[in-house]
């Protein structure tokens, strides 16, 4: 059985790439994760992604976002073997 992982992007620099034309950071398109990072195929697991509708600077994360994150994981709990949450560093310890 192939391991299934759900990657949840809340915001933060870890999920940003530099726009080649403007050199401004913008949110990475996680729908194209395997296309842009083909090395992930070496992990021999299925990776699905969910991104917050509006990626947040981690200094703006608050309890309502923790509830949103918990609801995503609760809803998807039976469909995945594990979850990876991409999150900025400012409030990561609170979210953890």
PDB file of N, CA and C in Angstrom:
ATOM      1  N   UNK A   1       0.841  -1.179   0.000  1.00  0.00           N
ATOM      2  CA  UNK A   1       0.000   0.000   0.000  1.00  0.00           C
ATOM      3  C   UNK A   1       0.892   1.251   0.000  1.00  0.00           C
ATOM      4  N   UNK A   2       0.569   2.184  -0.836  1.00  0.00           N
ATOM      5  CA  UNK A   2       1.323   3.430  -0.942  1.00  0.00           C
ATOM      6  C   UNK A   2       0.897   4.403   0.146  1.00  0.00           C
ATOM      7  N   UNK A   3       1.863   4.996   0.815  1.00  0.00           N
ATOM      8  CA  UNK A   3       1.589   5.965   1.872  1.00  0.00           C
ATOM      9  C   UNK A   3       1.015   7.231   1.257  1.00  0.00           C
ATOM     10  N   UNK A   4      -0.044   7.764   1.892  1.00  0.00           N
ATOM     11  CA  UNK A   4      -0.673   9.003   1.427  1.00  0.00           C
ATOM     12  C   UNK A   4      -0.406  10.104   2.442  1.00  0.00           C
ATOM     13  N   UNK A   5       0.086  11.237   1.952  1.00  0.00           N
ATOM     14  CA  UNK A   5       0.408  12.390   2.787  1.00  0.00           C
ATOM     15  C   UNK A   5      -0.372  13.595   2.287  1.00  0.00           C
ATOM     16  N   UNK A   6      -0.912  14.356   3.231  1.00  0.00           N
ATOM     17  CA  UNK A   6      -1.571  15.610   2.877  1.00  0.00           C
ATOM     18  C   UNK A   6      -0.693  16.754   3.355  1.00  0.00           C
ATOM     19  N   UNK A   7      -0.272  17.597   2.426  1.00  0.00           N
ATOM     20  CA  UNK A   7       0.519  18.783   2.726  1.00  0.00           C
ATOM     21  C   UNK A   7      -0.442  19.965   2.807  1.00  0.00           C
ATOM     22  N   UNK A   8      -0.404  20.674   3.940  1.00  0.00           N
ATOM     23  CA  UNK A   8      -1.290  21.817   4.160  1.00  0.00           C
ATOM     24  C   UNK A   8      -0.432  23.071   4.258  1.00  0.00           C
ATOM     25  N   UNK A   9      -0.642  23.994   3.345  1.00  0.00           N
ATOM     26  CA  UNK A   9       0.120  25.252   3.339  1.00  0.00           C
ATOM     27  C   UNK A   9      -0.727  26.354   3.942  1.00  0.00           C
ATOM     28  N   UNK A  10      -0.259  26.912   5.064  1.00  0.00           N
ATOM     29  CA  UNK A  10      -0.980  27.994   5.731  1.00  0.00           C
ATOM     30  C   UNK A  10      -0.467  29.365   5.319  1.00  0.00           C
ATOM     31  N   UNK A  11       0.780  29.424   4.889  1.00  0.00           N
ATOM     32  CA  UNK A  11       1.428  30.676   4.534  1.00  0.00           C
ATOM     33  C   UNK A  11       2.858  30.665   5.020  1.00  0.00           C
ATOM     34  N   UNK A  12       3.527  31.757   4.877  1.00  0.00           N
ATOM     35  CA  UNK A  12       4.910  31.855   5.317  1.00  0.00           C
ATOM     36  C   UNK A  12       5.892  31.706   4.163  1.00  0.00           C
ATOM     37  N   UNK A  13       7.097  32.131   4.403  1.00  0.00           N
ATOM     38  CA  UNK A  13       8.141  32.149   3.383  1.00  0.00           C
ATOM     39  C   UNK A  13       8.468  30.755   2.862  1.00  0.00           C
ATOM     40  N   UNK A  14       8.287  29.726   3.685  1.00  0.00           N
ATOM     41  CA  UNK A  14       8.618  28.367   3.265  1.00  0.00           C
ATOM     42  C   UNK A  14       7.840  27.949   2.015  1.00  0.00           C
ATOM     43  N   UNK A  15       6.707  28.564   1.772  1.00  0.00           N
ATOM     44  CA  UNK A  15       5.900  28.230   0.610  1.00  0.00           C
ATOM     45  C   UNK A  15       5.926  29.292  -0.463  1.00  0.00           C
ATOM     46  N   UNK A  16       6.969  30.102  -0.477  1.00  0.00           N
ATOM     47  CA  UNK A  16       7.057  31.196  -1.444  1.00  0.00           C
ATOM     48  C   UNK A  16       8.178  30.940  -2.453  1.00  0.00           C
ATOM     49  N   UNK A  17       7.999  31.498  -3.626  1.00  0.00           N
ATOM     50  CA  UNK A  17       9.051  31.501  -4.637  1.00  0.00           C
ATOM     51  C   UNK A  17       9.179  32.927  -5.169  1.00  0.00           C
ATOM     52  N   UNK A  18      10.333  33.223  -5.714  1.00  0.00           N
ATOM     53  CA  UNK A  18      10.580  34.559  -6.251  1.00  0.00           C
ATOM     54  C   UNK A  18      10.093  34.625  -7.686  1.00  0.00           C
ATOM     55  N   UNK A  19       9.265  35.610  -7.974  1.00  0.00           N
ATOM     56  CA  UNK A  19       8.809  35.850  -9.337  1.00  0.00           C
ATOM     57  C   UNK A  19      10.011  36.312 -10.158  1.00  0.00           C
ATOM     58  N   UNK A  20      10.273  35.644 -11.254  1.00  0.00           N
ATOM     59  CA  UNK A  20      11.455  35.938 -12.064  1.00  0.00           C
ATOM     60  C   UNK A  20      11.451  37.362 -12.614  1.00  0.00           C
ATOM     61  N   UNK A  21      10.287  37.858 -12.971  1.00  0.00           N
ATOM     62  CA  UNK A  21      10.208  39.186 -13.577  1.00  0.00           C
ATOM     63  C   UNK A  21      10.323  40.306 -12.551  1.00  0.00           C
ATOM     64  N   UNK A  22       9.628  40.146 -11.420  1.00  0.00           N
ATOM     65  CA  UNK A  22       9.569  41.243 -10.450  1.00  0.00           C
ATOM     66  C   UNK A  22      10.479  41.039  -9.237  1.00  0.00           C
ATOM     67  N   UNK A  23      10.957  39.812  -9.061  1.00  0.00           N
ATOM     68  CA  UNK A  23      11.764  39.414  -7.906  1.00  0.00           C
ATOM     69  C   UNK A  23      11.011  39.563  -6.580  1.00  0.00           C
ATOM     70  N   UNK A  24       9.685  39.590  -6.665  1.00  0.00           N
ATOM     71  CA  UNK A  24       8.838  39.653  -5.480  1.00  0.00           C
ATOM     72  C   UNK A  24       8.439  38.228  -5.100  1.00  0.00           C
ATOM     73  N   UNK A  25       8.402  37.952  -3.797  1.00  0.00           N
ATOM     74  CA  UNK A  25       7.968  36.634  -3.346  1.00  0.00           C
ATOM     75  C   UNK A  25       6.473  36.482  -3.545  1.00  0.00           C
ATOM     76  N   UNK A  26       6.083  35.298  -4.019  1.00  0.00           N
ATOM     77  CA  UNK A  26       4.672  34.978  -4.189  1.00  0.00           C
ATOM     78  C   UNK A  26       4.456  33.538  -3.755  1.00  0.00           C
ATOM     79  N   UNK A  27       3.230  33.211  -3.404  1.00  0.00           N
ATOM     80  CA  UNK A  27       2.926  31.860  -2.946  1.00  0.00           C
ATOM     81  C   UNK A  27       3.156  30.848  -4.064  1.00  0.00           C
ATOM     82  N   UNK A  28       3.787  29.741  -3.708  1.00  0.00           N
ATOM     83  CA  UNK A  28       4.053  28.640  -4.628  1.00  0.00           C
ATOM     84  C   UNK A  28       2.736  27.967  -4.987  1.00  0.00           C
ATOM     85  N   UNK A  29       2.604  27.503  -6.211  1.00  0.00           N
ATOM     86  CA  UNK A  29       1.410  26.783  -6.655  1.00  0.00           C
ATOM     87  C   UNK A  29       1.568  25.312  -6.278  1.00  0.00           C
ATOM     88  N   UNK A  30       1.039  24.931  -5.123  1.00  0.00           N
ATOM     89  CA  UNK A  30       1.219  23.571  -4.637  1.00  0.00           C
ATOM     90  C   UNK A  30       0.456  22.542  -5.453  1.00  0.00           C
ATOM     91  N   UNK A  31      -0.459  22.961  -6.314  1.00  0.00           N
ATOM     92  CA  UNK A  31      -1.137  22.022  -7.192  1.00  0.00           C
ATOM     93  C   UNK A  31      -0.153  21.409  -8.190  1.00  0.00           C
ATOM     94  N   UNK A  32       0.947  22.112  -8.436  1.00  0.00           N
ATOM     95  CA  UNK A  32       1.973  21.623  -9.357  1.00  0.00           C
ATOM     96  C   UNK A  32       3.229  21.182  -8.618  1.00  0.00           C
ATOM     97  N   UNK A  33       3.078  20.729  -7.384  1.00  0.00           N
ATOM     98  CA  UNK A  33       4.202  20.368  -6.537  1.00  0.00           C
ATOM     99  C   UNK A  33       5.108  19.327  -7.189  1.00  0.00           C
ATOM    100  N   UNK A  34       4.550  18.201  -7.635  1.00  0.00           N
ATOM    101  CA  UNK A  34       5.375  17.132  -8.198  1.00  0.00           C
ATOM    102  C   UNK A  34       5.975  17.522  -9.540  1.00  0.00           C
ATOM    103  N   UNK A  35       5.283  18.367 -10.272  1.00  0.00           N
ATOM    104  CA  UNK A  35       5.819  18.836 -11.554  1.00  0.00           C
ATOM    105  C   UNK A  35       7.052  19.713 -11.326  1.00  0.00           C
ATOM    106  N   UNK A  36       7.013  20.552 -10.298  1.00  0.00           N
ATOM    107  CA  UNK A  36       8.103  21.483 -10.029  1.00  0.00           C
ATOM    108  C   UNK A  36       9.220  20.889  -9.168  1.00  0.00           C
ATOM    109  N   UNK A  37       8.899  19.858  -8.412  1.00  0.00           N
ATOM    110  CA  UNK A  37       9.910  19.207  -7.571  1.00  0.00           C
ATOM    111  C   UNK A  37       9.819  17.696  -7.831  1.00  0.00           C
ATOM    112  N   UNK A  38      10.292  17.238  -8.986  1.00  0.00           N
ATOM    113  CA  UNK A  38      10.127  15.826  -9.358  1.00  0.00           C
ATOM    114  C   UNK A  38      10.841  14.856  -8.416  1.00  0.00           C
ATOM    115  N   UNK A  39      11.801  15.351  -7.644  1.00  0.00           N
ATOM    116  CA  UNK A  39      12.506  14.477  -6.699  1.00  0.00           C
ATOM    117  C   UNK A  39      11.561  13.883  -5.649  1.00  0.00           C
ATOM    118  N   UNK A  40      10.437  14.539  -5.415  1.00  0.00           N
ATOM    119  CA  UNK A  40       9.475  14.027  -4.445  1.00  0.00           C
ATOM    120  C   UNK A  40       8.917  12.667  -4.864  1.00  0.00           C
ATOM    121  N   UNK A  41       8.970  12.378  -6.154  1.00  0.00           N
ATOM    122  CA  UNK A  41       8.500  11.075  -6.632  1.00  0.00           C
ATOM    123  C   UNK A  41       9.383   9.946  -6.100  1.00  0.00           C
ATOM    124  N   UNK A  42      10.597  10.253  -5.722  1.00  0.00           N
ATOM    125  CA  UNK A  42      11.498   9.239  -5.171  1.00  0.00           C
ATOM    126  C   UNK A  42      11.031   8.748  -3.804  1.00  0.00           C
ATOM    127  N   UNK A  43      10.163   9.485  -3.144  1.00  0.00           N
ATOM    128  CA  UNK A  43       9.671   9.105  -1.818  1.00  0.00           C
ATOM    129  C   UNK A  43       8.682   7.946  -1.873  1.00  0.00           C
ATOM    130  N   UNK A  44       8.206   7.623  -3.048  1.00  0.00           N
ATOM    131  CA  UNK A  44       7.247   6.537  -3.233  1.00  0.00           C
ATOM    132  C   UNK A  44       6.022   6.699  -2.333  1.00  0.00           C
ATOM    133  N   UNK A  45       5.487   7.919  -2.337  1.00  0.00           N
ATOM    134  CA  UNK A  45       4.255   8.176  -1.596  1.00  0.00           C
ATOM    135  C   UNK A  45       3.400   9.135  -2.421  1.00  0.00           C
ATOM    136  N   UNK A  46       2.130   9.114  -2.138  1.00  0.00           N
ATOM    137  CA  UNK A  46       1.209  10.038  -2.800  1.00  0.00           C
ATOM    138  C   UNK A  46       1.099  11.289  -1.940  1.00  0.00           C
ATOM    139  N   UNK A  47       1.311  12.445  -2.560  1.00  0.00           N
ATOM    140  CA  UNK A  47       1.239  13.712  -1.838  1.00  0.00           C
ATOM    141  C   UNK A  47       0.131  14.563  -2.442  1.00  0.00           C
ATOM    142  N   UNK A  48      -0.863  14.856  -1.633  1.00  0.00           N
ATOM    143  CA  UNK A  48      -1.922  15.788  -2.023  1.00  0.00           C
ATOM    144  C   UNK A  48      -1.687  17.090  -1.266  1.00  0.00           C
ATOM    145  N   UNK A  49      -2.253  18.169  -1.767  1.00  0.00           N
ATOM    146  CA  UNK A  49      -2.029  19.470  -1.135  1.00  0.00           C
ATOM    147  C   UNK A  49      -3.335  20.231  -0.933  1.00  0.00           C
ATOM    148  N   UNK A  50      -3.347  21.014   0.128  1.00  0.00           N
ATOM    149  CA  UNK A  50      -4.408  21.981   0.403  1.00  0.00           C
ATOM    150  C   UNK A  50      -3.709  23.261   0.836  1.00  0.00           C
ATOM    151  N   UNK A  51      -4.138  24.371   0.305  1.00  0.00           N
ATOM    152  CA  UNK A  51      -3.591  25.671   0.718  1.00  0.00           C
ATOM    153  C   UNK A  51      -4.713  26.519   1.296  1.00  0.00           C
ATOM    154  N   UNK A  52      -4.385  27.277   2.334  1.00  0.00           N
ATOM    155  CA  UNK A  52      -5.344  28.266   2.817  1.00  0.00           C
ATOM    156  C   UNK A  52      -5.681  29.178   1.649  1.00  0.00           C
ATOM    157  N   UNK A  53      -6.922  29.614   1.578  1.00  0.00           N
ATOM    158  CA  UNK A  53      -7.357  30.455   0.456  1.00  0.00           C
ATOM    159  C   UNK A  53      -6.488  31.702   0.330  1.00  0.00           C
ATOM    160  N   UNK A  54      -6.168  32.301   1.457  1.00  0.00           N
ATOM    161  CA  UNK A  54      -5.282  33.460   1.481  1.00  0.00           C
ATOM    162  C   UNK A  54      -4.111  33.116   2.399  1.00  0.00           C
ATOM    163  N   UNK A  55      -2.934  32.799   1.814  1.00  0.00           N
ATOM    164  CA  UNK A  55      -1.788  32.462   2.659  1.00  0.00           C
ATOM    165  C   UNK A  55      -1.502  33.573   3.665  1.00  0.00           C
ATOM    166  N   UNK A  56      -1.204  33.170   4.892  1.00  0.00           N
ATOM    167  CA  UNK A  56      -1.035  34.112   5.990  1.00  0.00           C
ATOM    168  C   UNK A  56       0.417  34.268   6.396  1.00  0.00           C
ATOM    169  N   UNK A  57       0.794  35.481   6.721  1.00  0.00           N
ATOM    170  CA  UNK A  57       2.050  35.699   7.416  1.00  0.00           C
ATOM    171  C   UNK A  57       1.857  35.067   8.789  1.00  0.00           C
ATOM    172  N   UNK A  58       2.835  34.325   9.260  1.00  0.00           N
ATOM    173  CA  UNK A  58       2.627  33.590  10.506  1.00  0.00           C
ATOM    174  C   UNK A  58       2.383  34.496  11.706  1.00  0.00           C
ATOM    175  N   UNK A  59       2.786  35.753  11.624  1.00  0.00           N
ATOM    176  CA  UNK A  59       2.496  36.660  12.739  1.00  0.00           C
ATOM    177  C   UNK A  59       1.009  36.991  12.810  1.00  0.00           C
ATOM    178  N   UNK A  60       0.257  36.656  11.761  1.00  0.00           N
ATOM    179  CA  UNK A  60      -1.180  36.913  11.738  1.00  0.00           C
ATOM    180  C   UNK A  60      -2.021  35.671  12.056  1.00  0.00           C
ATOM    181  N   UNK A  61      -1.379  34.535  12.298  1.00  0.00           N
ATOM    182  CA  UNK A  61      -2.111  33.324  12.653  1.00  0.00           C
ATOM    183  C   UNK A  61      -2.754  33.527  14.024  1.00  0.00           C
ATOM    184  N   UNK A  62      -4.003  33.106  14.146  1.00  0.00           N
ATOM    185  CA  UNK A  62      -4.700  33.251  15.423  1.00  0.00           C
ATOM    186  C   UNK A  62      -5.564  32.019  15.673  1.00  0.00           C
ATOM    187  N   UNK A  63      -6.249  31.941  16.800  1.00  0.00           N
ATOM    188  CA  UNK A  63      -7.032  30.740  17.114  1.00  0.00           C
ATOM    189  C   UNK A  63      -8.041  30.324  16.047  1.00  0.00           C
ATOM    190  N   UNK A  64      -8.614  31.267  15.317  1.00  0.00           N
ATOM    191  CA  UNK A  64      -9.566  30.873  14.266  1.00  0.00           C
ATOM    192  C   UNK A  64      -8.866  30.074  13.164  1.00  0.00           C
ATOM    193  N   UNK A  65      -7.605  30.393  12.901  1.00  0.00           N
ATOM    194  CA  UNK A  65      -6.841  29.643  11.902  1.00  0.00           C
ATOM    195  C   UNK A  65      -6.464  28.263  12.432  1.00  0.00           C
ATOM    196  N   UNK A  66      -6.205  28.168  13.748  1.00  0.00           N
ATOM    197  CA  UNK A  66      -5.907  26.855  14.345  1.00  0.00           C
ATOM    198  C   UNK A  66      -7.124  25.952  14.233  1.00  0.00           C
ATOM    199  N   UNK A  67      -8.306  26.528  14.397  1.00  0.00           N
ATOM    200  CA  UNK A  67      -9.540  25.751  14.243  1.00  0.00           C
ATOM    201  C   UNK A  67      -9.681  25.300  12.791  1.00  0.00           C
ATOM    202  N   UNK A  68      -9.397  26.192  11.862  1.00  0.00           N
ATOM    203  CA  UNK A  68      -9.455  25.847  10.435  1.00  0.00           C
ATOM    204  C   UNK A  68      -8.505  24.693  10.126  1.00  0.00           C
ATOM    205  N   UNK A  69      -7.297  24.772  10.636  1.00  0.00           N
ATOM    206  CA  UNK A  69      -6.297  23.730  10.423  1.00  0.00           C
ATOM    207  C   UNK A  69      -6.760  22.404  11.045  1.00  0.00           C
ATOM    208  N   UNK A  70      -7.257  22.471  12.271  1.00  0.00           N
ATOM    209  CA  UNK A  70      -7.754  21.262  12.945  1.00  0.00           C
ATOM    210  C   UNK A  70      -8.924  20.647  12.182  1.00  0.00           C
ATOM    211  N   UNK A  71      -9.802  21.479  11.643  1.00  0.00           N
ATOM    212  CA  UNK A  71     -10.944  20.963  10.878  1.00  0.00           C
ATOM    213  C   UNK A  71     -10.499  20.260   9.607  1.00  0.00           C
ATOM    214  N   UNK A  72      -9.497  20.808   8.935  1.00  0.00           N
ATOM    215  CA  UNK A  72      -8.965  20.160   7.728  1.00  0.00           C
ATOM    216  C   UNK A  72      -8.428  18.780   8.086  1.00  0.00           C
ATOM    217  N   UNK A  73      -7.619  18.720   9.138  1.00  0.00           N
ATOM    218  CA  UNK A  73      -7.014  17.440   9.527  1.00  0.00           C
ATOM    219  C   UNK A  73      -8.087  16.456   9.989  1.00  0.00           C
ATOM    220  N   UNK A  74      -9.055  16.930  10.771  1.00  0.00           N
ATOM    221  CA  UNK A  74     -10.120  16.040  11.232  1.00  0.00           C
ATOM    222  C   UNK A  74     -10.919  15.481  10.052  1.00  0.00           C
ATOM    223  N   UNK A  75     -11.250  16.332   9.097  1.00  0.00           N
ATOM    224  CA  UNK A  75     -12.035  15.909   7.936  1.00  0.00           C
ATOM    225  C   UNK A  75     -11.270  14.906   7.075  1.00  0.00           C
ATOM    226  N   UNK A  76      -9.952  15.064   6.985  1.00  0.00           N
ATOM    227  CA  UNK A  76      -9.131  14.230   6.110  1.00  0.00           C
ATOM    228  C   UNK A  76      -8.442  13.066   6.836  1.00  0.00           C
ATOM    229  N   UNK A  77      -8.634  12.977   8.139  1.00  0.00           N
ATOM    230  CA  UNK A  77      -7.892  12.029   8.978  1.00  0.00           C
ATOM    231  C   UNK A  77      -7.932  10.592   8.464  1.00  0.00           C
ATOM    232  N   UNK A  78      -9.056  10.127   8.025  1.00  0.00           N
ATOM    233  CA  UNK A  78      -9.179   8.733   7.582  1.00  0.00           C
ATOM    234  C   UNK A  78      -8.675   8.488   6.166  1.00  0.00           C
ATOM    235  N   UNK A  79      -8.285   9.541   5.458  1.00  0.00           N
ATOM    236  CA  UNK A  79      -7.861   9.399   4.066  1.00  0.00           C
ATOM    237  C   UNK A  79      -6.343   9.439   3.886  1.00  0.00           C
ATOM    238  N   UNK A  80      -5.618   9.789   4.950  1.00  0.00           N
ATOM    239  CA  UNK A  80      -4.171   9.970   4.847  1.00  0.00           C
ATOM    240  C   UNK A  80      -3.451   9.281   5.993  1.00  0.00           C
ATOM    241  N   UNK A  81      -2.205   8.903   5.718  1.00  0.00           N
ATOM    242  CA  UNK A  81      -1.351   8.310   6.741  1.00  0.00           C
ATOM    243  C   UNK A  81      -0.628   9.375   7.562  1.00  0.00           C
ATOM    244  N   UNK A  82      -0.443  10.555   6.984  1.00  0.00           N
ATOM    245  CA  UNK A  82       0.262  11.612   7.689  1.00  0.00           C
ATOM    246  C   UNK A  82      -0.040  12.971   7.093  1.00  0.00           C
ATOM    247  N   UNK A  83       0.298  13.998   7.873  1.00  0.00           N
ATOM    248  CA  UNK A  83       0.042  15.379   7.478  1.00  0.00           C
ATOM    249  C   UNK A  83       1.322  16.183   7.654  1.00  0.00           C
ATOM    250  N   UNK A  84       1.576  17.076   6.707  1.00  0.00           N
ATOM    251  CA  UNK A  84       2.691  18.017   6.801  1.00  0.00           C
ATOM    252  C   UNK A  84       2.082  19.411   6.722  1.00  0.00           C
ATOM    253  N   UNK A  85       2.354  20.230   7.730  1.00  0.00           N
ATOM    254  CA  UNK A  85       1.827  21.585   7.754  1.00  0.00           C
ATOM    255  C   UNK A  85       2.981  22.538   7.484  1.00  0.00           C
ATOM    256  N   UNK A  86       2.884  23.287   6.394  1.00  0.00           N
ATOM    257  CA  UNK A  86       3.871  24.324   6.099  1.00  0.00           C
ATOM    258  C   UNK A  86       3.374  25.612   6.714  1.00  0.00           C
ATOM    259  N   UNK A  87       4.221  26.225   7.510  1.00  0.00           N
ATOM    260  CA  UNK A  87       3.798  27.310   8.383  1.00  0.00           C
ATOM    261  C   UNK A  87       4.985  28.235   8.597  1.00  0.00           C
ATOM    262  N   UNK A  88       4.740  29.512   8.662  1.00  0.00           N
ATOM    263  CA  UNK A  88       5.807  30.460   8.973  1.00  0.00           C
ATOM    264  C   UNK A  88       6.316  30.256  10.388  1.00  0.00           C
ATOM    265  N   UNK A  89       7.473  30.810  10.692  1.00  0.00           N
ATOM    266  CA  UNK A  89       8.141  30.521  11.968  1.00  0.00           C
ATOM    267  C   UNK A  89       7.690  31.403  13.134  1.00  0.00           C
ATOM    268  N   UNK A  90       7.067  32.544  12.883  1.00  0.00           N
ATOM    269  CA  UNK A  90       6.736  33.476  13.964  1.00  0.00           C
ATOM    270  C   UNK A  90       5.842  32.863  15.037  1.00  0.00           C
ATOM    271  N   UNK A  91       4.835  32.099  14.636  1.00  0.00           N
ATOM    272  CA  UNK A  91       3.889  31.532  15.604  1.00  0.00           C
ATOM    273  C   UNK A  91       3.815  30.010  15.513  1.00  0.00           C
ATOM    274  N   UNK A  92       4.801  29.411  14.894  1.00  0.00           N
ATOM    275  CA  UNK A  92       4.771  27.957  14.704  1.00  0.00           C
ATOM    276  C   UNK A  92       4.625  27.208  16.015  1.00  0.00           C
ATOM    277  N   UNK A  93       5.301  27.657  17.057  1.00  0.00           N
ATOM    278  CA  UNK A  93       5.226  26.951  18.336  1.00  0.00           C
ATOM    279  C   UNK A  93       3.811  26.991  18.903  1.00  0.00           C
ATOM    280  N   UNK A  94       3.084  28.075  18.680  1.00  0.00           N
ATOM    281  CA  UNK A  94       1.707  28.144  19.150  1.00  0.00           C
ATOM    282  C   UNK A  94       0.807  27.205  18.351  1.00  0.00           C
ATOM    283  N   UNK A  95       1.015  27.181  17.057  1.00  0.00           N
ATOM    284  CA  UNK A  95       0.202  26.305  16.215  1.00  0.00           C
ATOM    285  C   UNK A  95       0.480  24.835  16.495  1.00  0.00           C
ATOM    286  N   UNK A  96       1.737  24.532  16.806  1.00  0.00           N
ATOM    287  CA  UNK A  96       2.095  23.134  17.088  1.00  0.00           C
ATOM    288  C   UNK A  96       1.350  22.653  18.310  1.00  0.00           C
TER     289      UNK A  96
END
